[in-house]
C-alpha atoms as a PDB file:
ATOM      1  CA  MET A   1     -19.704 -12.447  -4.613  1.00  0.00           C
ATOM      2  CA  VAL A   2     -19.638 -16.232  -4.503  1.00  0.00           C
ATOM      3  CA  PHE A   3     -20.127 -16.310  -8.272  1.00  0.00           C
ATOM      4  CA  PHE A   4     -16.953 -14.284  -8.851  1.00  0.00           C
ATOM      5  CA  LEU A   5     -14.908 -16.434  -6.473  1.00  0.00           C
ATOM      6  CA  LYS A   6     -16.045 -19.644  -8.141  1.00  0.00           C
ATOM      7  CA  ARG A   7     -15.387 -18.186 -11.585  1.00  0.00           C
ATOM      8  CA  ALA A   8     -11.872 -17.113 -10.600  1.00  0.00           C
ATOM      9  CA  ALA A   9     -11.173 -20.552  -9.131  1.00  0.00           C
ATOM     10  CA  ARG A  10     -12.287 -22.253 -12.342  1.00  0.00           C
ATOM     11  CA  ARG A  11     -10.014 -20.026 -14.398  1.00  0.00           C
ATOM     12  CA  GLY A  12      -7.103 -20.633 -12.069  1.00  0.00           C
ATOM     13  CA  GLY A  13      -7.168 -17.010 -10.922  1.00  0.00           C
ATOM     14  CA  ASP A  14      -5.484 -15.918  -7.749  1.00  0.00           C
ATOM     15  CA  ILE A  15      -8.001 -14.547  -5.269  1.00  0.00           C
ATOM     16  CA  SER A  16      -5.636 -14.424  -2.308  1.00  0.00           C
ATOM     17  CA  GLY A  17      -4.815 -10.716  -2.393  1.00  0.00           C
ATOM     18  CA  PRO A  18      -2.001  -8.483  -3.605  1.00  0.00           C
ATOM     19  CA  LYS A  19       0.698 -10.096  -5.664  1.00  0.00           C
ATOM     20  CA  PRO A  20       4.190 -10.352  -4.159  1.00  0.00           C
ATOM     21  CA  GLY A  21       6.327  -7.368  -5.013  1.00  0.00           C
ATOM     22  CA  LYS A  22       3.444  -4.888  -5.078  1.00  0.00           C
ATOM     23  CA  ASP A  23       3.514  -2.400  -2.227  1.00  0.00           C
ATOM     24  CA  VAL A  24       0.347  -2.000  -0.209  1.00  0.00           C
ATOM     25  CA  GLU A  25      -0.212   1.602   0.795  1.00  0.00           C
ATOM     26  CA  ASP A  26      -2.112   2.972   3.769  1.00  0.00           C
ATOM     27  CA  MET A  27      -5.331   4.808   3.041  1.00  0.00           C
ATOM     28  CA  VAL A  28      -6.238   8.005   4.890  1.00  0.00           C
ATOM     29  CA  ARG A  29      -9.465  10.023   5.157  1.00  0.00           C
ATOM     30  CA  CYS A  30      -9.864  13.700   4.274  1.00  0.00           C
ATOM     31  CA  HIS A  31     -10.697  15.752   7.372  1.00  0.00           C
ATOM     32  CA  VAL A  32     -13.226  17.881   5.427  1.00  0.00           C
ATOM     33  CA  CYS A  33     -15.122  15.575   3.042  1.00  0.00           C
ATOM     34  CA  GLY A  34     -14.259  12.104   4.346  1.00  0.00           C
ATOM     35  CA  VAL A  35     -12.977  10.714   1.044  1.00  0.00           C
ATOM     36  CA  ASN A  36     -10.369   7.935   1.345  1.00  0.00           C
ATOM     37  CA  LEU A  37      -7.140   8.287  -0.607  1.00  0.00           C
ATOM     38  CA  PRO A  38      -3.623   6.825  -0.571  1.00  0.00           C
ATOM     39  CA  ARG A  39      -1.335   8.482   1.987  1.00  0.00           C
ATOM     40  CA  SER A  40       1.116   9.426  -0.790  1.00  0.00           C
ATOM     41  CA  GLU A  41      -1.560  11.552  -2.509  1.00  0.00           C
ATOM     42  CA  ALA A  42      -2.819  13.265   0.662  1.00  0.00           C
ATOM     43  CA  LEU A  43      -1.943  16.735   1.921  1.00  0.00           C
ATOM     44  CA  MET A  44      -1.039  17.003   5.599  1.00  0.00           C
ATOM     45  CA  SER A  45      -1.340  20.191   7.616  1.00  0.00           C
ATOM     46  CA  ARG A  46      -1.248  20.684  11.401  1.00  0.00           C
ATOM     47  CA  GLY A  47      -1.780  16.971  11.982  1.00  0.00           C
ATOM     48  CA  GLU A  48      -4.837  16.705   9.715  1.00  0.00           C
ATOM     49  CA  VAL A  49      -5.185  14.972   6.330  1.00  0.00           C
ATOM     50  CA  TYR A  50      -6.765  16.588   3.258  1.00  0.00           C
ATOM     51  CA  CYS A  51      -7.565  15.351  -0.254  1.00  0.00           C
ATOM     52  CA  CYS A  52      -6.880  18.694  -1.979  1.00  0.00           C
ATOM     53  CA  GLU A  53      -5.533  22.180  -1.393  1.00  0.00           C
ATOM     54  CA  GLU A  54      -9.073  23.632  -1.414  1.00  0.00           C
ATOM     55  CA  HIS A  55     -10.104  21.481   1.553  1.00  0.00           C
ATOM     56  CA  ARG A  56      -6.891  22.286   3.416  1.00  0.00           C
ATOM     57  CA  GLN A  57      -7.581  26.011   3.052  1.00  0.00           C
ATOM     58  CA  LYS A  58     -11.273  25.594   3.875  1.00  0.00           C
ATOM     59  CA  ASP A  59     -10.468  24.044   7.265  1.00  0.00           C
ATOM     60  CA  GLN A  60      -8.201  26.895   8.449  1.00  0.00           C
END
């Protein structure tokens, strides 16, 4: 990890985080498989979060 930080610093790269103007989106976890995904891509049903329709149906 230190190698990459030093390399970025030498190249003048920005290692501070997201660039201004880019929206940072919350991540949520699928109730069935535990995969993390952006909230905008998740399916919500009865207060639970799912990564796909198959997992939403599986949990009913």
